[in-house]
N, C-alpha and C. Protein backbone atom coordinates (compact mmCIF):
# COMPACT_ATOMS: atom_id res chain seq x y z
N MET A 1 0.81 -1.21 0.00
CA MET A 1 0.00 0.00 0.00
C MET A 1 0.85 1.26 0.00
N LEU A 2 2.00 1.23 0.67
CA LEU A 2 2.79 2.45 0.82
C LEU A 2 3.24 3.07 -0.50
N PRO A 3 3.62 2.30 -1.53
CA PRO A 3 4.04 2.95 -2.78
C PRO A 3 2.95 3.80 -3.44
N TYR A 4 1.70 3.65 -3.01
CA TYR A 4 0.61 4.45 -3.55
C TYR A 4 0.40 5.76 -2.80
N CYS A 5 0.66 5.76 -1.50
CA CYS A 5 0.11 6.87 -0.72
C CYS A 5 0.99 7.40 0.40
N TRP A 6 2.24 7.02 0.48
CA TRP A 6 3.10 7.61 1.51
C TRP A 6 4.42 7.98 0.86
N PHE A 7 4.78 9.26 0.97
CA PHE A 7 6.00 9.75 0.35
C PHE A 7 6.76 10.59 1.35
N PRO A 8 8.09 10.57 1.27
CA PRO A 8 8.89 11.35 2.23
C PRO A 8 8.76 12.85 1.98
N ASN A 9 9.30 13.60 2.91
CA ASN A 9 9.24 15.06 2.81
C ASN A 9 9.98 15.55 1.56
N GLY A 10 9.49 16.66 1.01
CA GLY A 10 10.16 17.28 -0.12
C GLY A 10 9.45 17.12 -1.46
N GLY A 11 8.34 16.43 -1.51
CA GLY A 11 7.64 16.22 -2.77
C GLY A 11 6.55 17.26 -3.01
N TYR A 12 6.16 17.39 -4.29
CA TYR A 12 5.02 18.24 -4.63
C TYR A 12 4.27 17.66 -5.82
N TRP A 13 3.00 18.01 -5.92
CA TRP A 13 2.11 17.55 -6.97
C TRP A 13 1.30 18.76 -7.44
N VAL A 14 1.26 19.03 -8.75
CA VAL A 14 0.54 20.17 -9.30
C VAL A 14 -0.70 19.63 -10.02
N TYR A 15 -1.86 20.20 -9.70
CA TYR A 15 -3.14 19.75 -10.23
C TYR A 15 -3.85 20.89 -10.96
N GLU A 16 -4.68 20.51 -11.94
CA GLU A 16 -5.57 21.45 -12.61
C GLU A 16 -7.00 21.04 -12.33
N ASP A 17 -7.84 22.01 -12.06
CA ASP A 17 -9.27 21.77 -11.85
C ASP A 17 -9.91 21.66 -13.24
N VAL A 18 -10.23 20.43 -13.66
CA VAL A 18 -10.77 20.24 -15.01
C VAL A 18 -12.19 20.76 -15.14
N THR A 19 -12.86 21.01 -14.02
CA THR A 19 -14.20 21.61 -14.08
C THR A 19 -14.11 23.11 -14.28
N THR A 20 -12.95 23.70 -14.03
CA THR A 20 -12.68 25.11 -14.29
C THR A 20 -11.29 25.19 -14.93
N PRO A 21 -11.18 24.90 -16.23
CA PRO A 21 -9.87 24.84 -16.88
C PRO A 21 -9.04 26.10 -16.64
N GLY A 22 -7.76 25.87 -16.41
CA GLY A 22 -6.84 26.97 -16.15
C GLY A 22 -6.61 27.24 -14.68
N VAL A 23 -7.48 26.72 -13.81
CA VAL A 23 -7.30 26.90 -12.37
C VAL A 23 -6.37 25.80 -11.87
N MET A 24 -5.25 26.22 -11.29
CA MET A 24 -4.23 25.28 -10.83
C MET A 24 -4.07 25.40 -9.32
N ASP A 25 -3.61 24.33 -8.73
CA ASP A 25 -3.24 24.34 -7.31
C ASP A 25 -2.21 23.24 -7.13
N SER A 26 -1.57 23.23 -6.00
CA SER A 26 -0.57 22.20 -5.75
C SER A 26 -0.71 21.64 -4.35
N ALA A 27 -0.29 20.41 -4.23
CA ALA A 27 -0.16 19.78 -2.92
C ALA A 27 1.33 19.59 -2.68
N TYR A 28 1.76 19.83 -1.47
CA TYR A 28 3.17 19.63 -1.17
C TYR A 28 3.30 19.16 0.27
N THR A 29 4.40 18.47 0.52
CA THR A 29 4.61 17.96 1.87
C THR A 29 4.97 19.11 2.80
N THR A 30 4.55 18.98 4.04
CA THR A 30 4.77 20.04 5.02
C THR A 30 5.93 19.76 5.95
N GLY A 31 6.62 18.66 5.75
CA GLY A 31 7.75 18.32 6.62
C GLY A 31 7.34 17.47 7.80
N ASN A 32 6.10 16.97 7.80
CA ASN A 32 5.60 16.18 8.92
C ASN A 32 5.58 14.68 8.65
N SER A 33 6.13 14.21 7.53
CA SER A 33 6.10 12.79 7.23
C SER A 33 6.99 12.02 8.20
N ARG A 34 6.45 10.94 8.72
CA ARG A 34 7.22 10.15 9.68
C ARG A 34 6.62 8.74 9.80
N VAL A 35 7.41 7.85 10.35
CA VAL A 35 6.98 6.49 10.62
C VAL A 35 7.04 6.28 12.12
N GLU A 36 5.99 5.70 12.67
CA GLU A 36 5.95 5.42 14.10
C GLU A 36 5.66 3.93 14.29
N ILE A 37 6.33 3.33 15.24
CA ILE A 37 6.06 1.94 15.61
C ILE A 37 5.23 1.96 16.89
N ILE A 38 4.12 1.26 16.89
CA ILE A 38 3.24 1.21 18.06
C ILE A 38 3.34 -0.19 18.65
N PRO A 39 4.11 -0.36 19.73
CA PRO A 39 4.28 -1.70 20.30
C PRO A 39 2.99 -2.19 20.96
N ASP A 40 2.43 -3.22 20.41
CA ASP A 40 1.21 -3.83 20.94
C ASP A 40 0.13 -2.78 21.21
N GLY A 41 -0.01 -1.85 20.30
CA GLY A 41 -0.94 -0.75 20.49
C GLY A 41 -2.40 -1.15 20.54
N PHE A 42 -2.70 -2.36 20.07
CA PHE A 42 -4.10 -2.79 20.03
C PHE A 42 -4.36 -3.97 20.96
N GLY A 43 -3.38 -4.30 21.80
CA GLY A 43 -3.57 -5.36 22.79
C GLY A 43 -3.65 -6.75 22.20
N LEU A 44 -3.07 -6.94 21.02
CA LEU A 44 -3.13 -8.24 20.36
C LEU A 44 -1.79 -8.96 20.35
N GLY A 45 -0.77 -8.33 20.97
CA GLY A 45 0.53 -8.96 21.02
C GLY A 45 1.42 -8.68 19.83
N TYR A 46 1.00 -7.81 18.92
CA TYR A 46 1.78 -7.52 17.73
C TYR A 46 1.93 -6.02 17.58
N GLU A 47 3.07 -5.58 17.11
CA GLU A 47 3.27 -4.16 16.91
C GLU A 47 2.56 -3.71 15.63
N ALA A 48 2.22 -2.44 15.59
CA ALA A 48 1.60 -1.84 14.42
C ALA A 48 2.51 -0.72 13.93
N GLU A 49 2.38 -0.39 12.67
CA GLU A 49 3.13 0.71 12.11
C GLU A 49 2.16 1.80 11.69
N HIS A 50 2.53 3.04 11.95
CA HIS A 50 1.68 4.18 11.59
C HIS A 50 2.53 5.14 10.77
N TYR A 51 2.06 5.47 9.58
CA TYR A 51 2.75 6.38 8.68
C TYR A 51 1.94 7.66 8.60
N VAL A 52 2.59 8.79 8.82
CA VAL A 52 1.91 10.08 8.78
C VAL A 52 2.55 10.92 7.68
N TRP A 53 1.73 11.47 6.82
CA TRP A 53 2.20 12.30 5.72
C TRP A 53 1.44 13.61 5.76
N GLY A 54 2.12 14.69 6.11
CA GLY A 54 1.48 15.99 6.16
C GLY A 54 1.55 16.69 4.82
N TYR A 55 0.48 17.37 4.42
CA TYR A 55 0.47 18.06 3.14
C TYR A 55 -0.36 19.33 3.22
N PHE A 56 -0.24 20.15 2.18
CA PHE A 56 -0.99 21.40 2.08
C PHE A 56 -1.62 21.43 0.70
N PHE A 57 -2.94 21.62 0.61
CA PHE A 57 -3.64 21.62 -0.68
C PHE A 57 -4.90 22.48 -0.57
N ARG A 58 -5.14 23.33 -1.55
CA ARG A 58 -6.32 24.19 -1.62
C ARG A 58 -6.47 25.06 -0.37
N GLY A 59 -5.37 25.52 0.15
CA GLY A 59 -5.41 26.42 1.30
C GLY A 59 -5.63 25.73 2.63
N HIS A 60 -5.65 24.42 2.65
CA HIS A 60 -5.85 23.68 3.89
C HIS A 60 -4.64 22.83 4.20
N SER A 61 -4.24 22.86 5.44
CA SER A 61 -3.22 21.94 5.91
C SER A 61 -3.92 20.63 6.25
N GLY A 62 -3.37 19.55 5.77
CA GLY A 62 -4.01 18.27 6.01
C GLY A 62 -3.00 17.20 6.30
N GLY A 63 -3.48 16.00 6.42
CA GLY A 63 -2.60 14.88 6.66
C GLY A 63 -3.24 13.59 6.25
N GLN A 64 -2.42 12.65 5.88
CA GLN A 64 -2.89 11.31 5.60
C GLN A 64 -2.25 10.40 6.62
N GLY A 65 -3.03 9.56 7.23
CA GLY A 65 -2.53 8.63 8.21
C GLY A 65 -2.81 7.21 7.78
N ILE A 66 -1.79 6.38 7.80
CA ILE A 66 -1.92 4.99 7.41
C ILE A 66 -1.53 4.14 8.61
N THR A 67 -2.38 3.25 9.02
CA THR A 67 -2.05 2.35 10.11
C THR A 67 -2.08 0.92 9.59
N ALA A 68 -0.98 0.21 9.77
CA ALA A 68 -0.87 -1.19 9.35
C ALA A 68 -0.84 -2.06 10.59
N ASN A 69 -1.75 -3.00 10.65
CA ASN A 69 -1.88 -3.88 11.81
C ASN A 69 -1.64 -5.33 11.39
N ALA A 70 -0.99 -6.08 12.26
CA ALA A 70 -0.78 -7.51 12.01
C ALA A 70 -1.64 -8.31 12.97
N TYR A 71 -2.34 -9.29 12.45
CA TYR A 71 -3.18 -10.17 13.27
C TYR A 71 -2.79 -11.61 12.99
N GLY A 72 -2.56 -12.38 14.02
CA GLY A 72 -2.26 -13.80 13.86
C GLY A 72 -0.78 -14.07 13.71
N ASP A 73 -0.35 -15.28 14.09
CA ASP A 73 1.06 -15.64 14.08
C ASP A 73 1.69 -15.52 12.71
N ASP A 74 0.91 -15.82 11.66
CA ASP A 74 1.47 -15.76 10.31
C ASP A 74 1.02 -14.50 9.57
N PHE A 75 0.50 -13.53 10.30
CA PHE A 75 0.02 -12.27 9.73
C PHE A 75 -1.08 -12.49 8.69
N GLU A 76 -1.79 -13.60 8.80
CA GLU A 76 -2.82 -13.93 7.82
C GLU A 76 -3.88 -12.84 7.73
N PHE A 77 -4.14 -12.17 8.83
CA PHE A 77 -5.20 -11.17 8.83
C PHE A 77 -4.64 -9.75 8.94
N SER A 78 -3.48 -9.51 8.32
CA SER A 78 -2.92 -8.17 8.32
C SER A 78 -3.85 -7.22 7.58
N SER A 79 -3.89 -6.00 8.02
CA SER A 79 -4.78 -5.03 7.37
C SER A 79 -4.18 -3.64 7.48
N SER A 80 -4.65 -2.78 6.61
CA SER A 80 -4.21 -1.39 6.64
C SER A 80 -5.42 -0.49 6.47
N LEU A 81 -5.36 0.67 7.08
CA LEU A 81 -6.43 1.65 7.00
C LEU A 81 -5.82 2.99 6.64
N MET A 82 -6.40 3.67 5.67
CA MET A 82 -5.91 4.96 5.24
C MET A 82 -6.99 6.00 5.46
N LYS A 83 -6.64 7.09 6.12
CA LYS A 83 -7.58 8.19 6.31
C LYS A 83 -6.91 9.50 5.97
N GLU A 84 -7.71 10.44 5.53
CA GLU A 84 -7.22 11.79 5.28
C GLU A 84 -7.96 12.73 6.21
N SER A 85 -7.24 13.70 6.75
CA SER A 85 -7.89 14.68 7.61
C SER A 85 -7.44 16.07 7.19
N PHE A 86 -8.29 17.04 7.41
CA PHE A 86 -7.93 18.43 7.20
C PHE A 86 -8.66 19.26 8.24
N THR A 87 -8.19 20.45 8.47
CA THR A 87 -8.79 21.30 9.48
C THR A 87 -9.37 22.55 8.83
N ASP A 88 -10.59 22.89 9.17
CA ASP A 88 -11.20 24.13 8.71
C ASP A 88 -11.92 24.79 9.89
N SER A 89 -12.77 25.74 9.62
CA SER A 89 -13.42 26.48 10.70
C SER A 89 -14.31 25.59 11.56
N ALA A 90 -14.72 24.45 11.02
CA ALA A 90 -15.56 23.53 11.79
C ALA A 90 -14.74 22.55 12.62
N GLY A 91 -13.42 22.64 12.52
CA GLY A 91 -12.56 21.71 13.25
C GLY A 91 -12.05 20.63 12.32
N GLU A 92 -11.50 19.59 12.90
CA GLU A 92 -10.93 18.53 12.08
C GLU A 92 -12.02 17.69 11.43
N GLN A 93 -11.88 17.45 10.15
CA GLN A 93 -12.80 16.61 9.39
C GLN A 93 -12.01 15.45 8.79
N ARG A 94 -12.68 14.36 8.55
CA ARG A 94 -11.98 13.19 8.01
C ARG A 94 -12.74 12.59 6.83
N SER A 95 -11.97 12.08 5.89
CA SER A 95 -12.51 11.31 4.78
C SER A 95 -11.68 10.05 4.67
N THR A 96 -12.32 8.92 4.53
CA THR A 96 -11.59 7.68 4.33
C THR A 96 -11.28 7.57 2.85
N LEU A 97 -10.01 7.45 2.53
CA LEU A 97 -9.59 7.42 1.14
C LEU A 97 -9.24 6.03 0.66
N LEU A 98 -8.74 5.20 1.54
CA LEU A 98 -8.31 3.89 1.10
C LEU A 98 -8.36 2.92 2.27
N PHE A 99 -9.10 1.86 2.10
CA PHE A 99 -9.14 0.81 3.11
C PHE A 99 -8.69 -0.46 2.43
N TRP A 100 -7.72 -1.13 3.02
CA TRP A 100 -7.15 -2.29 2.37
C TRP A 100 -7.07 -3.42 3.37
N ASP A 101 -7.75 -4.50 3.11
CA ASP A 101 -7.68 -5.67 3.98
C ASP A 101 -7.89 -6.88 3.09
N ASN A 102 -6.85 -7.65 2.90
CA ASN A 102 -6.93 -8.75 1.94
C ASN A 102 -7.90 -9.85 2.33
N ASP A 103 -8.02 -10.13 3.63
CA ASP A 103 -8.76 -11.31 4.04
C ASP A 103 -9.98 -11.04 4.91
N ARG A 104 -9.89 -10.07 5.80
CA ARG A 104 -10.97 -9.87 6.75
C ARG A 104 -11.32 -8.40 6.87
N PRO A 105 -12.24 -7.91 6.07
CA PRO A 105 -12.58 -6.49 6.14
C PRO A 105 -13.23 -6.08 7.45
N ASP A 106 -13.65 -7.05 8.26
CA ASP A 106 -14.28 -6.70 9.53
C ASP A 106 -13.28 -6.66 10.69
N SER A 107 -11.99 -6.91 10.41
CA SER A 107 -11.03 -7.05 11.49
C SER A 107 -10.74 -5.75 12.23
N LEU A 108 -11.02 -4.61 11.61
CA LEU A 108 -10.78 -3.34 12.29
C LEU A 108 -12.02 -2.80 12.97
N GLY A 109 -13.14 -3.44 12.80
CA GLY A 109 -14.38 -2.89 13.35
C GLY A 109 -14.75 -1.60 12.67
N TYR A 110 -14.40 -1.46 11.40
CA TYR A 110 -14.61 -0.23 10.64
C TYR A 110 -15.63 -0.51 9.53
N PRO A 111 -16.52 0.43 9.24
CA PRO A 111 -17.51 0.18 8.17
C PRO A 111 -16.84 0.22 6.79
N TRP A 112 -16.10 -0.84 6.47
CA TRP A 112 -15.29 -0.91 5.27
C TRP A 112 -16.10 -0.79 3.99
N ASN A 113 -17.38 -1.11 4.04
CA ASN A 113 -18.19 -1.06 2.83
C ASN A 113 -18.47 0.37 2.37
N LEU A 114 -17.98 1.37 3.09
CA LEU A 114 -18.16 2.75 2.66
C LEU A 114 -17.27 3.10 1.48
N CYS A 115 -16.26 2.28 1.21
CA CYS A 115 -15.36 2.54 0.11
C CYS A 115 -15.47 1.45 -0.95
N THR A 116 -15.50 1.87 -2.19
CA THR A 116 -15.44 0.94 -3.30
C THR A 116 -14.05 1.06 -3.92
N VAL A 117 -13.34 -0.04 -3.99
CA VAL A 117 -11.98 -0.03 -4.52
C VAL A 117 -11.96 -0.81 -5.82
N VAL A 118 -11.45 -0.18 -6.88
CA VAL A 118 -11.32 -0.82 -8.18
C VAL A 118 -9.87 -0.72 -8.61
N ARG A 119 -9.29 -1.83 -9.02
CA ARG A 119 -7.92 -1.84 -9.53
C ARG A 119 -7.97 -1.75 -11.05
N LEU A 120 -7.11 -0.90 -11.60
CA LEU A 120 -7.03 -0.71 -13.04
C LEU A 120 -5.60 -0.96 -13.49
N ASP A 121 -5.43 -1.57 -14.67
CA ASP A 121 -4.07 -1.75 -15.20
C ASP A 121 -3.44 -0.41 -15.53
N SER A 122 -4.25 0.49 -16.13
CA SER A 122 -3.72 1.80 -16.49
C SER A 122 -4.86 2.79 -16.66
N ILE A 123 -4.51 4.07 -16.65
CA ILE A 123 -5.47 5.15 -16.87
C ILE A 123 -4.70 6.32 -17.48
N VAL A 124 -5.37 7.06 -18.35
CA VAL A 124 -4.77 8.24 -18.96
C VAL A 124 -5.40 9.47 -18.32
N ILE A 125 -4.55 10.33 -17.73
CA ILE A 125 -5.00 11.57 -17.10
C ILE A 125 -4.10 12.69 -17.58
N ALA A 126 -4.71 13.73 -18.11
CA ALA A 126 -3.98 14.90 -18.62
C ALA A 126 -2.88 14.49 -19.60
N GLY A 127 -3.17 13.51 -20.43
CA GLY A 127 -2.24 13.08 -21.47
C GLY A 127 -1.14 12.15 -21.02
N THR A 128 -1.13 11.77 -19.75
CA THR A 128 -0.10 10.87 -19.22
C THR A 128 -0.76 9.54 -18.84
N THR A 129 -0.12 8.44 -19.23
CA THR A 129 -0.62 7.11 -18.87
C THR A 129 0.04 6.67 -17.57
N TYR A 130 -0.78 6.33 -16.60
CA TYR A 130 -0.31 5.81 -15.32
C TYR A 130 -0.69 4.34 -15.24
N HIS A 131 0.23 3.53 -14.70
CA HIS A 131 0.01 2.10 -14.60
C HIS A 131 -0.15 1.69 -13.14
N ASP A 132 -0.78 0.52 -12.95
CA ASP A 132 -1.00 -0.03 -11.61
C ASP A 132 -1.75 0.98 -10.75
N VAL A 133 -3.02 1.13 -11.05
CA VAL A 133 -3.85 2.21 -10.52
C VAL A 133 -4.95 1.65 -9.62
N ILE A 134 -5.28 2.40 -8.58
CA ILE A 134 -6.39 2.06 -7.69
C ILE A 134 -7.34 3.24 -7.64
N GLN A 135 -8.62 2.98 -7.89
CA GLN A 135 -9.65 4.02 -7.80
C GLN A 135 -10.50 3.74 -6.57
N VAL A 136 -10.61 4.73 -5.70
CA VAL A 136 -11.35 4.57 -4.45
C VAL A 136 -12.50 5.57 -4.43
N THR A 137 -13.71 5.06 -4.24
CA THR A 137 -14.89 5.92 -4.20
C THR A 137 -15.58 5.75 -2.86
N ASN A 138 -15.82 6.86 -2.18
CA ASN A 138 -16.58 6.81 -0.92
C ASN A 138 -18.05 6.68 -1.27
N ASN A 139 -18.71 5.76 -0.64
CA ASN A 139 -20.09 5.46 -0.97
C ASN A 139 -20.89 5.28 0.32
N PRO A 140 -21.84 6.13 0.62
CA PRO A 140 -22.33 7.23 -0.21
C PRO A 140 -21.43 8.46 -0.06
N PRO A 141 -21.40 9.31 -1.07
CA PRO A 141 -20.53 10.49 -0.99
C PRO A 141 -20.92 11.46 0.12
N GLU A 142 -22.18 11.40 0.58
CA GLU A 142 -22.61 12.30 1.66
C GLU A 142 -21.87 12.03 2.96
N GLY A 143 -21.23 10.87 3.06
CA GLY A 143 -20.51 10.51 4.28
C GLY A 143 -19.11 11.08 4.35
N THR A 144 -18.70 11.85 3.34
CA THR A 144 -17.36 12.40 3.34
C THR A 144 -17.39 13.91 3.58
N TYR A 145 -16.28 14.44 4.02
CA TYR A 145 -16.18 15.87 4.31
C TYR A 145 -15.40 16.63 3.25
N ASN A 146 -14.52 15.94 2.54
CA ASN A 146 -13.58 16.63 1.68
C ASN A 146 -13.48 15.97 0.30
N THR A 147 -13.20 14.68 0.26
CA THR A 147 -12.90 13.98 -0.98
C THR A 147 -13.88 12.85 -1.20
N ILE A 148 -14.50 12.81 -2.39
CA ILE A 148 -15.44 11.74 -2.72
C ILE A 148 -14.73 10.58 -3.39
N GLU A 149 -13.80 10.90 -4.30
CA GLU A 149 -13.13 9.84 -5.04
C GLU A 149 -11.68 10.21 -5.29
N THR A 150 -10.80 9.22 -5.21
CA THR A 150 -9.40 9.41 -5.52
C THR A 150 -8.94 8.32 -6.47
N VAL A 151 -8.00 8.66 -7.32
CA VAL A 151 -7.35 7.69 -8.19
C VAL A 151 -5.86 7.76 -7.85
N TRP A 152 -5.32 6.61 -7.45
CA TRP A 152 -3.94 6.51 -6.99
C TRP A 152 -3.12 5.74 -8.02
N ALA A 153 -1.92 6.20 -8.32
CA ALA A 153 -0.99 5.46 -9.17
C ALA A 153 0.23 5.08 -8.33
N ARG A 154 0.66 3.86 -8.50
CA ARG A 154 1.80 3.36 -7.73
C ARG A 154 3.04 4.20 -8.01
N GLY A 155 3.71 4.65 -6.97
CA GLY A 155 4.91 5.44 -7.09
C GLY A 155 4.69 6.90 -7.44
N VAL A 156 3.41 7.30 -7.58
CA VAL A 156 3.09 8.68 -7.96
C VAL A 156 2.23 9.36 -6.90
N GLY A 157 1.22 8.64 -6.39
CA GLY A 157 0.27 9.22 -5.44
C GLY A 157 -1.06 9.47 -6.13
N ILE A 158 -1.77 10.49 -5.69
CA ILE A 158 -3.09 10.80 -6.23
C ILE A 158 -2.93 11.48 -7.58
N VAL A 159 -3.55 10.88 -8.61
CA VAL A 159 -3.49 11.47 -9.96
C VAL A 159 -4.81 12.15 -10.34
N ARG A 160 -5.88 11.81 -9.63
CA ARG A 160 -7.15 12.53 -9.81
C ARG A 160 -7.93 12.49 -8.49
N ARG A 161 -8.55 13.62 -8.17
CA ARG A 161 -9.31 13.73 -6.92
C ARG A 161 -10.61 14.46 -7.21
N THR A 162 -11.73 13.86 -6.81
CA THR A 162 -13.04 14.49 -6.93
C THR A 162 -13.47 14.94 -5.55
N MET A 163 -13.76 16.23 -5.42
CA MET A 163 -14.06 16.83 -4.13
C MET A 163 -15.57 16.93 -3.89
N THR A 164 -15.93 17.17 -2.65
CA THR A 164 -17.35 17.30 -2.31
C THR A 164 -18.00 18.52 -2.95
N ASP A 165 -17.20 19.51 -3.38
CA ASP A 165 -17.76 20.68 -4.06
C ASP A 165 -17.91 20.45 -5.57
N ALA A 166 -17.74 19.20 -6.02
CA ALA A 166 -17.88 18.76 -7.42
C ALA A 166 -16.69 19.13 -8.29
N SER A 167 -15.65 19.73 -7.73
CA SER A 167 -14.46 20.00 -8.53
C SER A 167 -13.66 18.70 -8.71
N ILE A 168 -13.00 18.60 -9.87
CA ILE A 168 -12.18 17.44 -10.19
C ILE A 168 -10.78 17.92 -10.50
N TRP A 169 -9.82 17.46 -9.74
CA TRP A 169 -8.43 17.89 -9.85
C TRP A 169 -7.61 16.76 -10.45
N GLU A 170 -6.93 17.05 -11.58
CA GLU A 170 -6.10 16.05 -12.24
C GLU A 170 -4.64 16.49 -12.20
N LEU A 171 -3.77 15.52 -11.99
CA LEU A 171 -2.34 15.77 -11.87
C LEU A 171 -1.76 16.19 -13.22
N VAL A 172 -1.01 17.29 -13.23
CA VAL A 172 -0.34 17.73 -14.45
C VAL A 172 1.18 17.56 -14.36
N ARG A 173 1.75 17.60 -13.15
CA ARG A 173 3.18 17.31 -12.97
C ARG A 173 3.43 17.08 -11.48
N TYR A 174 4.56 16.43 -11.20
CA TYR A 174 4.89 16.14 -9.82
C TYR A 174 6.39 15.91 -9.69
N HIS A 175 6.85 15.99 -8.46
CA HIS A 175 8.24 15.66 -8.13
C HIS A 175 8.24 14.98 -6.77
N ILE A 176 8.80 13.80 -6.71
CA ILE A 176 8.90 13.08 -5.44
C ILE A 176 10.36 13.10 -5.04
N HIS A 177 10.62 13.69 -3.90
CA HIS A 177 11.99 13.89 -3.42
C HIS A 177 12.56 12.59 -2.88
């Protein structure tokens, strides 16, 4: 999961709002990316890893948090949860962007059916072909605060984002440090 959605400090991504051509914005890391080890944080006898990636986009400081949990001696029920948060005048809001659990979607006690995940071999966005793609749609969209749908490309990050205000942002260039 990490090659899709966690990048070290120093990267940036430039997007164009295709619903309002010519309007550009960028997301960039804020210097808050880090890895934390949580020793037996869930009382199951196994350590968990938490990846935090801070970013700034559309005038909001936000963050993506990924928690990877191991369940069982052979890690048969390992799972990961991805959430995005941002802060506005109403306080912290969250949107679930990616939930990944190969075997047991109920192992986190999280309503995993709120996200629809589709894997694509490739997709063309703004004239660039991206391979090994995951499209995540929050369902129903009324349950999200910020992002309804994201398209992730391995080694690139988010290449398209559909927001709750109906704007659609497509990646036009990026640099991963």
